[in-house]
């Protein structure tokens, strides 16, 4: 009976030992699982902390983005209001521009009409001025022709008077010589001697002496061609100078006056001795 009891105890011990080994393996497995779970829990805790930090950063960024979005929205609203104001101003400006264009068009039409009328008036005035200028030219040319003819007549009369005076003087000299006056004979002898010295005839000597006497008498003669060219040059000016025209006419009048005075001075002795 003791032996059986011992065997039972041995059997139970063995069973217990086997159960202990099994439980030890389970405990080791559980420990490994606990360790693994602990590590996993630590990893998850670390991951959660990381997620929390990320969440905090994301929340901060979200807050910043929301703030930026709010500012951008406010800026956008402000710009929209500004755009609306600008659009209203542009509309008002376009309306003002349209009104200005209409006003400018009306004014341009008025100015064009006024310019056309002024141009017509100016053309009529220019036509009148051109006609008056042509009349002035015609008058001055006619006056110049009359003055030249008058001066030519005085010159012709002067030449005829000089010729008559020369013939009268020769007749007196011949009469004195025929009468036998000593002074006349001395004059004839002196002229004969002078003619022989100068190697010319007595008549040529007399003509030369008469020419010298005529040159000593006052005379003012202006070439007619030069005077006409000067007058034409004045008339060719854009606006002929009244002073220059007056001076040219005065010069020719002075020439006529001098010739007339010379003619009168020569004509008096001739009429007396005729």
C-alpha atoms as a PDB file:
ATOM      1  CA  UNK A   1       0.000   0.000   0.000  1.00  0.00           C
ATOM      2  CA  UNK A   2       2.856   2.339   0.740  1.00  0.00           C
ATOM      3  CA  UNK A   3       4.383   1.526  -2.538  1.00  0.00           C
ATOM      4  CA  UNK A   4       1.201   2.345  -4.316  1.00  0.00           C
ATOM      5  CA  UNK A   5       0.994   5.545  -2.432  1.00  0.00           C
ATOM      6  CA  UNK A   6       4.523   6.388  -3.422  1.00  0.00           C
ATOM      7  CA  UNK A   7       3.802   5.626  -7.000  1.00  0.00           C
ATOM      8  CA  UNK A   8       0.708   7.753  -6.853  1.00  0.00           C
ATOM      9  CA  UNK A   9       2.743  10.536  -5.401  1.00  0.00           C
ATOM     10  CA  UNK A  10       5.374  10.038  -8.042  1.00  0.00           C
ATOM     11  CA  UNK A  11       2.739  10.042 -10.678  1.00  0.00           C
ATOM     12  CA  UNK A  12       1.207  13.206  -9.275  1.00  0.00           C
ATOM     13  CA  UNK A  13       4.658  14.766  -8.962  1.00  0.00           C
ATOM     14  CA  UNK A  14       5.386  13.955 -12.535  1.00  0.00           C
ATOM     15  CA  UNK A  15       2.034  15.316 -13.594  1.00  0.00           C
ATOM     16  CA  UNK A  16       2.709  18.417 -11.505  1.00  0.00           C
ATOM     17  CA  UNK A  17       6.178  18.735 -12.954  1.00  0.00           C
ATOM     18  CA  UNK A  18       4.799  18.369 -16.455  1.00  0.00           C
ATOM     19  CA  UNK A  19       2.077  20.897 -15.607  1.00  0.00           C
ATOM     20  CA  UNK A  20       4.698  23.186 -14.099  1.00  0.00           C
ATOM     21  CA  UNK A  21       6.759  23.016 -17.257  1.00  0.00           C
ATOM     22  CA  UNK A  22       3.703  23.650 -19.289  1.00  0.00           C
ATOM     23  CA  UNK A  23       2.694  26.551 -17.039  1.00  0.00           C
ATOM     24  CA  UNK A  24       6.282  27.873 -17.132  1.00  0.00           C
ATOM     25  CA  UNK A  25       6.133  27.810 -20.935  1.00  0.00           C
ATOM     26  CA  UNK A  26       2.776  29.539 -20.825  1.00  0.00           C
ATOM     27  CA  UNK A  27       4.151  32.081 -18.389  1.00  0.00           C
ATOM     28  CA  UNK A  28       7.154  32.641 -20.639  1.00  0.00           C
ATOM     29  CA  UNK A  29       4.823  32.952 -23.573  1.00  0.00           C
ATOM     30  CA  UNK A  30       2.676  35.331 -21.597  1.00  0.00           C
ATOM     31  CA  UNK A  31       5.758  37.298 -20.520  1.00  0.00           C
ATOM     32  CA  UNK A  32       6.893  37.470 -24.119  1.00  0.00           C
ATOM     33  CA  UNK A  33       3.410  38.550 -25.126  1.00  0.00           C
ATOM     34  CA  UNK A  34       3.311  41.104 -22.313  1.00  0.00           C
ATOM     35  CA  UNK A  35       6.730  42.371 -23.300  1.00  0.00           C
ATOM     36  CA  UNK A  36       5.644  42.501 -26.922  1.00  0.00           C
ATOM     37  CA  UNK A  37       2.407  44.197 -25.939  1.00  0.00           C
ATOM     38  CA  UNK A  38       4.355  46.592 -23.724  1.00  0.00           C
ATOM     39  CA  UNK A  39       6.711  47.438 -26.547  1.00  0.00           C
ATOM     40  CA  UNK A  40       3.777  47.762 -28.889  1.00  0.00           C
ATOM     41  CA  UNK A  41       2.021  49.915 -26.291  1.00  0.00           C
ATOM     42  CA  UNK A  42       5.154  52.080 -25.974  1.00  0.00           C
ATOM     43  CA  UNK A  43       5.394  52.299 -29.729  1.00  0.00           C
ATOM     44  CA  UNK A  44       1.768  53.201 -29.956  1.00  0.00           C
ATOM     45  CA  UNK A  45       2.221  55.703 -27.139  1.00  0.00           C
ATOM     46  CA  UNK A  46       5.167  57.203 -28.998  1.00  0.00           C
ATOM     47  CA  UNK A  47       3.149  57.207 -32.200  1.00  0.00           C
ATOM     48  CA  UNK A  48       0.240  58.797 -30.368  1.00  0.00           C
ATOM     49  CA  UNK A  49       2.581  61.457 -28.963  1.00  0.00           C
ATOM     50  CA  UNK A  50       3.902  62.016 -32.431  1.00  0.00           C
ATOM     51  CA  UNK A  51       0.353  62.231 -33.720  1.00  0.00           C
ATOM     52  CA  UNK A  52      -0.470  64.652 -30.925  1.00  0.00           C
ATOM     53  CA  UNK A  53       2.489  66.794 -31.865  1.00  0.00           C
ATOM     54  CA  UNK A  54       1.491  66.590 -35.505  1.00  0.00           C
ATOM     55  CA  UNK A  55      -2.054  67.415 -34.544  1.00  0.00           C
ATOM     56  CA  UNK A  56      -0.823  70.376 -32.527  1.00  0.00           C
ATOM     57  CA  UNK A  57       1.290  71.556 -35.463  1.00  0.00           C
ATOM     58  CA  UNK A  58      -1.589  70.918 -37.845  1.00  0.00           C
ATOM     59  CA  UNK A  59      -3.950  72.756 -35.479  1.00  0.00           C
ATOM     60  CA  UNK A  60      -1.500  75.669 -35.314  1.00  0.00           C
ATOM     61  CA  UNK A  61      -1.096  75.644 -39.069  1.00  0.00           C
ATOM     62  CA  UNK A  62      -4.851  75.387 -39.466  1.00  0.00           C
ATOM     63  CA  UNK A  63      -5.262  78.346 -37.162  1.00  0.00           C
ATOM     64  CA  UNK A  64      -2.665  80.281 -39.175  1.00  0.00           C
ATOM     65  CA  UNK A  65      -4.330  79.233 -42.412  1.00  0.00           C
ATOM     66  CA  UNK A  66      -7.715  80.228 -41.047  1.00  0.00           C
ATOM     67  CA  UNK A  67      -6.264  83.574 -39.998  1.00  0.00           C
ATOM     68  CA  UNK A  68      -4.674  83.968 -43.440  1.00  0.00           C
ATOM     69  CA  UNK A  69      -7.903  82.897 -45.093  1.00  0.00           C
ATOM     70  CA  UNK A  70      -9.791  85.428 -42.991  1.00  0.00           C
ATOM     71  CA  UNK A  71      -7.333  88.155 -43.946  1.00  0.00           C
ATOM     72  CA  UNK A  72      -7.459  87.095 -47.597  1.00  0.00           C
ATOM     73  CA  UNK A  73     -11.256  87.049 -47.489  1.00  0.00           C
ATOM     74  CA  UNK A  74     -11.287  90.510 -45.951  1.00  0.00           C
ATOM     75  CA  UNK A  75      -8.725  91.715 -48.509  1.00  0.00           C
ATOM     76  CA  UNK A  76     -10.773  90.127 -51.288  1.00  0.00           C
ATOM     77  CA  UNK A  77     -13.929  91.797 -50.022  1.00  0.00           C
ATOM     78  CA  UNK A  78     -12.084  95.122 -49.788  1.00  0.00           C
ATOM     79  CA  UNK A  79     -10.754  94.707 -53.319  1.00  0.00           C
ATOM     80  CA  UNK A  80     -14.203  93.726 -54.541  1.00  0.00           C
ATOM     81  CA  UNK A  81     -15.607  96.891 -53.002  1.00  0.00           C
ATOM     82  CA  UNK A  82     -12.727  98.860 -54.534  1.00  0.00           C
ATOM     83  CA  UNK A  83     -13.368  97.164 -57.880  1.00  0.00           C
ATOM     84  CA  UNK A  84     -17.031  98.074 -57.669  1.00  0.00           C
ATOM     85  CA  UNK A  85     -16.047 101.670 -56.885  1.00  0.00           C
ATOM     86  CA  UNK A  86     -13.599 101.684 -59.784  1.00  0.00           C
ATOM     87  CA  UNK A  87     -16.195 100.195 -62.098  1.00  0.00           C
ATOM     88  CA  UNK A  88     -18.618 102.903 -61.036  1.00  0.00           C
ATOM     89  CA  UNK A  89     -15.938 105.554 -61.646  1.00  0.00           C
ATOM     90  CA  UNK A  90     -15.080 103.996 -65.018  1.00  0.00           C
ATOM     91  CA  UNK A  91     -18.755 104.047 -65.930  1.00  0.00           C
ATOM     92  CA  UNK A  92     -19.014 107.686 -64.870  1.00  0.00           C
ATOM     93  CA  UNK A  93     -15.797 108.448 -66.771  1.00  0.00           C
ATOM     94  CA  UNK A  94     -17.123 106.731 -69.891  1.00  0.00           C
ATOM     95  CA  UNK A  95     -20.335 108.704 -69.649  1.00  0.00           C
ATOM     96  CA  UNK A  96     -18.346 111.923 -69.151  1.00  0.00           C
ATOM     97  CA  UNK A  97     -16.105 110.973 -72.075  1.00  0.00           C
ATOM     98  CA  UNK A  98     -19.145 110.351 -74.258  1.00  0.00           C
ATOM     99  CA  UNK A  99     -20.528 113.747 -73.251  1.00  0.00           C
ATOM    100  CA  UNK A 100     -17.153 115.368 -73.931  1.00  0.00           C
ATOM    101  CA  UNK A 101     -16.975 113.677 -77.327  1.00  0.00           C
ATOM    102  CA  UNK A 102     -20.440 114.934 -78.162  1.00  0.00           C
ATOM    103  CA  UNK A 103     -19.538 118.433 -76.969  1.00  0.00           C
ATOM    104  CA  UNK A 104     -16.236 118.318 -78.865  1.00  0.00           C
ATOM    105  CA  UNK A 105     -18.039 117.098 -81.983  1.00  0.00           C
ATOM    106  CA  UNK A 106     -20.522 119.957 -81.765  1.00  0.00           C
ATOM    107  CA  UNK A 107     -17.734 122.452 -81.125  1.00  0.00           C
ATOM    108  CA  UNK A 108     -15.661 121.043 -84.001  1.00  0.00           C
ATOM    109  CA  UNK A 109     -18.665 121.287 -86.292  1.00  0.00           C
ATOM    110  CA  UNK A 110     -19.204 124.876 -85.121  1.00  0.00           C
ATOM    111  CA  UNK A 111     -15.510 125.684 -85.549  1.00  0.00           C
ATOM    112  CA  UNK A 112     -15.513 124.052 -88.978  1.00  0.00           C
ATOM    113  CA  UNK A 113     -18.492 126.133 -89.994  1.00  0.00           C
ATOM    114  CA  UNK A 114     -16.896 129.278 -88.545  1.00  0.00           C
ATOM    115  CA  UNK A 115     -13.580 128.430 -90.223  1.00  0.00           C
ATOM    116  CA  UNK A 116     -15.361 127.907 -93.524  1.00  0.00           C
ATOM    117  CA  UNK A 117     -17.146 131.233 -93.158  1.00  0.00           C
ATOM    118  CA  UNK A 118     -13.922 132.954 -92.069  1.00  0.00           C
ATOM    119  CA  UNK A 119     -12.107 131.348 -95.006  1.00  0.00           C
ATOM    120  CA  UNK A 120     -14.756 132.607 -97.396  1.00  0.00           C
ATOM    121  CA  UNK A 121     -14.472 136.102 -95.897  1.00  0.00           C
ATOM    122  CA  UNK A 122     -10.674 135.891 -96.054  1.00  0.00           C
ATOM    123  CA  UNK A 123     -10.773 134.725 -99.662  1.00  0.00           C
ATOM    124  CA  UNK A 124     -13.085 137.607-100.557  1.00  0.00           C
ATOM    125  CA  UNK A 125     -10.780 140.026 -98.751  1.00  0.00           C
ATOM    126  CA  UNK A 126      -7.752 138.518-100.466  1.00  0.00           C
ATOM    127  CA  UNK A 127      -9.521 138.840-103.800  1.00  0.00           C
ATOM    128  CA  UNK A 128     -10.354 142.457-103.021  1.00  0.00           C
ATOM    129  CA  UNK A 129      -6.795 143.108-101.837  1.00  0.00           C
ATOM    130  CA  UNK A 130      -5.421 141.445-104.987  1.00  0.00           C
ATOM    131  CA  UNK A 131      -7.720 143.586-107.127  1.00  0.00           C
ATOM    132  CA  UNK A 132      -6.676 146.710-105.223  1.00  0.00           C
ATOM    133  CA  UNK A 133      -3.012 145.696-105.587  1.00  0.00           C
ATOM    134  CA  UNK A 134      -3.483 145.231-109.332  1.00  0.00           C
ATOM    135  CA  UNK A 135      -5.171 148.628-109.510  1.00  0.00           C
ATOM    136  CA  UNK A 136      -2.264 150.128-107.538  1.00  0.00           C
ATOM    137  CA  UNK A 137       0.246 148.554-109.919  1.00  0.00           C
ATOM    138  CA  UNK A 138      -1.710 149.796-112.903  1.00  0.00           C
ATOM    139  CA  UNK A 139      -1.948 153.291-111.402  1.00  0.00           C
ATOM    140  CA  UNK A 140       1.763 153.436-110.539  1.00  0.00           C
ATOM    141  CA  UNK A 141       2.740 152.151-114.000  1.00  0.00           C
ATOM    142  CA  UNK A 142       0.415 154.660-115.672  1.00  0.00           C
ATOM    143  CA  UNK A 143       1.774 157.458-113.491  1.00  0.00           C
ATOM    144  CA  UNK A 144       5.333 156.402-114.262  1.00  0.00           C
ATOM    145  CA  UNK A 145       4.565 156.390-117.987  1.00  0.00           C
ATOM    146  CA  UNK A 146       3.048 159.859-117.807  1.00  0.00           C
ATOM    147  CA  UNK A 147       5.996 161.180-115.806  1.00  0.00           C
ATOM    148  CA  UNK A 148       8.499 159.656-118.255  1.00  0.00           C
ATOM    149  CA  UNK A 149       6.653 161.142-121.235  1.00  0.00           C
ATOM    150  CA  UNK A 150       6.541 164.518-119.478  1.00  0.00           C
ATOM    151  CA  UNK A 151      10.271 164.365-118.701  1.00  0.00           C
ATOM    152  CA  UNK A 152      11.033 163.274-122.276  1.00  0.00           C
ATOM    153  CA  UNK A 153       9.038 166.242-123.596  1.00  0.00           C
ATOM    154  CA  UNK A 154      10.959 168.629-121.337  1.00  0.00           C
ATOM    155  CA  UNK A 155      14.235 167.024-122.461  1.00  0.00           C
ATOM    156  CA  UNK A 156      13.218 167.412-126.092  1.00  0.00           C
ATOM    157  CA  UNK A 157      12.296 171.058-125.524  1.00  0.00           C
ATOM    158  CA  UNK A 158      15.612 171.566-123.703  1.00  0.00           C
ATOM    159  CA  UNK A 159      17.567 170.049-126.613  1.00  0.00           C
ATOM    160  CA  UNK A 160      15.717 172.232-129.095  1.00  0.00           C
ATOM    161  CA  UNK A 161      16.304 175.323-126.952  1.00  0.00           C
ATOM    162  CA  UNK A 162      20.019 174.517-126.660  1.00  0.00           C
ATOM    163  CA  UNK A 163      20.198 174.041-130.414  1.00  0.00           C
ATOM    164  CA  UNK A 164      18.445 177.387-131.043  1.00  0.00           C
ATOM    165  CA  UNK A 165      20.720 179.102-128.532  1.00  0.00           C
ATOM    166  CA  UNK A 166      23.776 177.609-130.199  1.00  0.00           C
ATOM    167  CA  UNK A 167      22.639 178.779-133.615  1.00  0.00           C
ATOM    168  CA  UNK A 168      21.834 182.244-132.215  1.00  0.00           C
ATOM    169  CA  UNK A 169      25.270 182.544-130.621  1.00  0.00           C
ATOM    170  CA  UNK A 170      26.942 181.560-133.864  1.00  0.00           C
ATOM    171  CA  UNK A 171      24.893 184.081-135.787  1.00  0.00           C
ATOM    172  CA  UNK A 172      25.925 186.823-133.324  1.00  0.00           C
ATOM    173  CA  UNK A 173      29.562 185.820-133.604  1.00  0.00           C
ATOM    174  CA  UNK A 174      29.353 185.820-137.399  1.00  0.00           C
ATOM    175  CA  UNK A 175      27.571 189.211-137.337  1.00  0.00           C
ATOM    176  CA  UNK A 176      30.209 190.654-135.011  1.00  0.00           C
ATOM    177  CA  UNK A 177      32.932 189.271-137.226  1.00  0.00           C
ATOM    178  CA  UNK A 178      31.271 190.783-140.318  1.00  0.00           C
ATOM    179  CA  UNK A 179      30.945 194.154-138.621  1.00  0.00           C
ATOM    180  CA  UNK A 180      34.708 194.199-138.068  1.00  0.00           C
ATOM    181  CA  UNK A 181      34.653 194.582-134.270  1.00  0.00           C
ATOM    182  CA  UNK A 182      38.189 194.200-132.824  1.00  0.00           C
ATOM    183  CA  UNK A 183      37.044 191.926-129.974  1.00  0.00           C
ATOM    184  CA  UNK A 184      35.227 189.660-132.401  1.00  0.00           C
ATOM    185  CA  UNK A 185      38.234 189.513-134.701  1.00  0.00           C
ATOM    186  CA  UNK A 186      40.497 188.676-131.760  1.00  0.00           C
ATOM    187  CA  UNK A 187      38.093 185.908-130.678  1.00  0.00           C
ATOM    188  CA  UNK A 188      37.977 184.490-134.225  1.00  0.00           C
ATOM    189  CA  UNK A 189      41.786 184.607-134.450  1.00  0.00           C
ATOM    190  CA  UNK A 190      42.115 182.886-131.048  1.00  0.00           C
ATOM    191  CA  UNK A 191      39.672 180.152-132.071  1.00  0.00           C
ATOM    192  CA  UNK A 192      41.556 179.650-135.336  1.00  0.00           C
ATOM    193  CA  UNK A 193      44.854 179.310-133.475  1.00  0.00           C
ATOM    194  CA  UNK A 194      43.283 176.898-130.924  1.00  0.00           C
ATOM    195  CA  UNK A 195      41.764 174.797-133.738  1.00  0.00           C
ATOM    196  CA  UNK A 196      45.130 174.553-135.498  1.00  0.00           C
ATOM    197  CA  UNK A 197      46.806 173.556-132.219  1.00  0.00           C
ATOM    198  CA  UNK A 198      44.139 170.916-131.497  1.00  0.00           C
ATOM    199  CA  UNK A 199      44.198 169.827-135.125  1.00  0.00           C
ATOM    200  CA  UNK A 200      40.446 170.246-135.685  1.00  0.00           C
ATOM    201  CA  UNK A 201      38.156 172.487-137.658  1.00  0.00           C
ATOM    202  CA  UNK A 202      36.824 175.746-136.225  1.00  0.00           C
ATOM    203  CA  UNK A 203      33.234 174.378-136.300  1.00  0.00           C
ATOM    204  CA  UNK A 204      34.302 171.287-134.288  1.00  0.00           C
ATOM    205  CA  UNK A 205      36.027 173.571-131.798  1.00  0.00           C
ATOM    206  CA  UNK A 206      32.863 175.668-131.513  1.00  0.00           C
ATOM    207  CA  UNK A 207      30.761 172.551-130.935  1.00  0.00           C
ATOM    208  CA  UNK A 208      33.172 171.403-128.258  1.00  0.00           C
ATOM    209  CA  UNK A 209      33.068 174.775-126.516  1.00  0.00           C
ATOM    210  CA  UNK A 210      29.269 174.807-126.659  1.00  0.00           C
ATOM    211  CA  UNK A 211      29.215 171.306-125.148  1.00  0.00           C
ATOM    212  CA  UNK A 212      31.494 172.412-122.304  1.00  0.00           C
ATOM    213  CA  UNK A 213      29.242 175.356-121.557  1.00  0.00           C
ATOM    214  CA  UNK A 214      26.163 173.151-121.517  1.00  0.00           C
ATOM    215  CA  UNK A 215      27.857 170.686-119.120  1.00  0.00           C
ATOM    216  CA  UNK A 216      28.561 173.514-116.664  1.00  0.00           C
ATOM    217  CA  UNK A 217      24.859 174.369-116.528  1.00  0.00           C
ATOM    218  CA  UNK A 218      22.807 172.667-113.806  1.00  0.00           C
ATOM    219  CA  UNK A 219      21.193 169.430-114.992  1.00  0.00           C
ATOM    220  CA  UNK A 220      19.909 166.287-113.276  1.00  0.00           C
ATOM    221  CA  UNK A 221      19.223 163.310-115.511  1.00  0.00           C
ATOM    222  CA  UNK A 222      18.391 159.803-114.300  1.00  0.00           C
ATOM    223  CA  UNK A 223      18.452 156.917-116.813  1.00  0.00           C
ATOM    224  CA  UNK A 224      14.832 155.992-117.484  1.00  0.00           C
ATOM    225  CA  UNK A 225      15.553 152.223-117.597  1.00  0.00           C
ATOM    226  CA  UNK A 226      17.203 152.262-114.160  1.00  0.00           C
ATOM    227  CA  UNK A 227      14.315 154.257-112.733  1.00  0.00           C
ATOM    228  CA  UNK A 228      11.725 151.909-114.244  1.00  0.00           C
ATOM    229  CA  UNK A 229      13.587 148.839-112.944  1.00  0.00           C
ATOM    230  CA  UNK A 230      13.755 150.360-109.457  1.00  0.00           C
ATOM    231  CA  UNK A 231      10.006 151.102-109.598  1.00  0.00           C
ATOM    232  CA  UNK A 232       9.275 147.554-110.825  1.00  0.00           C
ATOM    233  CA  UNK A 233      11.392 146.122-108.001  1.00  0.00           C
ATOM    234  CA  UNK A 234       9.331 148.074-105.439  1.00  0.00           C
ATOM    235  CA  UNK A 235       6.060 146.841-106.979  1.00  0.00           C
ATOM    236  CA  UNK A 236       7.298 143.218-106.893  1.00  0.00           C
ATOM    237  CA  UNK A 237       7.509 143.323-103.095  1.00  0.00           C
ATOM    238  CA  UNK A 238       4.863 141.389-101.161  1.00  0.00           C
ATOM    239  CA  UNK A 239       3.643 144.676 -99.684  1.00  0.00           C
ATOM    240  CA  UNK A 240       4.992 147.591-101.740  1.00  0.00           C
ATOM    241  CA  UNK A 241       6.488 150.284 -99.559  1.00  0.00           C
ATOM    242  CA  UNK A 242       4.591 153.556 -99.858  1.00  0.00           C
ATOM    243  CA  UNK A 243       7.696 155.424 -98.705  1.00  0.00           C
ATOM    244  CA  UNK A 244       9.874 153.883-101.436  1.00  0.00           C
ATOM    245  CA  UNK A 245       7.235 154.559-104.103  1.00  0.00           C
ATOM    246  CA  UNK A 246       6.927 158.154-102.906  1.00  0.00           C
ATOM    247  CA  UNK A 247      10.721 158.576-102.942  1.00  0.00           C
ATOM    248  CA  UNK A 248      10.974 157.205-106.510  1.00  0.00           C
ATOM    249  CA  UNK A 249       8.196 159.527-107.728  1.00  0.00           C
ATOM    250  CA  UNK A 250       9.791 162.457-105.863  1.00  0.00           C
ATOM    251  CA  UNK A 251      13.148 161.807-107.569  1.00  0.00           C
ATOM    252  CA  UNK A 252      11.576 161.872-111.033  1.00  0.00           C
ATOM    253  CA  UNK A 253       9.555 164.993-110.131  1.00  0.00           C
ATOM    254  CA  UNK A 254      12.764 166.650-108.931  1.00  0.00           C
ATOM    255  CA  UNK A 255      14.433 165.718-112.229  1.00  0.00           C
ATOM    256  CA  UNK A 256      11.536 167.299-114.165  1.00  0.00           C
ATOM    257  CA  UNK A 257      11.730 170.405-111.985  1.00  0.00           C
ATOM    258  CA  UNK A 258      15.472 170.808-112.611  1.00  0.00           C
ATOM    259  CA  UNK A 259      15.020 170.252-116.357  1.00  0.00           C
ATOM    260  CA  UNK A 260      12.141 172.737-116.422  1.00  0.00           C
ATOM    261  CA  UNK A 261      14.198 175.349-114.556  1.00  0.00           C
ATOM    262  CA  UNK A 262      17.106 174.770-116.941  1.00  0.00           C
ATOM    263  CA  UNK A 263      14.733 175.069-119.897  1.00  0.00           C
ATOM    264  CA  UNK A 264      13.341 178.323-118.504  1.00  0.00           C
ATOM    265  CA  UNK A 265      16.856 179.677-117.924  1.00  0.00           C
ATOM    266  CA  UNK A 266      17.865 178.830-121.505  1.00  0.00           C
ATOM    267  CA  UNK A 267      14.616 179.931-123.136  1.00  0.00           C
ATOM    268  CA  UNK A 268      14.635 183.470-121.723  1.00  0.00           C
ATOM    269  CA  UNK A 269      17.832 184.721-123.432  1.00  0.00           C
ATOM    270  CA  UNK A 270      16.854 183.023-126.674  1.00  0.00           C
ATOM    271  CA  UNK A 271      13.440 184.721-126.713  1.00  0.00           C
ATOM    272  CA  UNK A 272      15.052 188.048-125.979  1.00  0.00           C
ATOM    273  CA  UNK A 273      17.652 187.690-128.753  1.00  0.00           C
ATOM    274  CA  UNK A 274      15.361 186.015-131.272  1.00  0.00           C
END
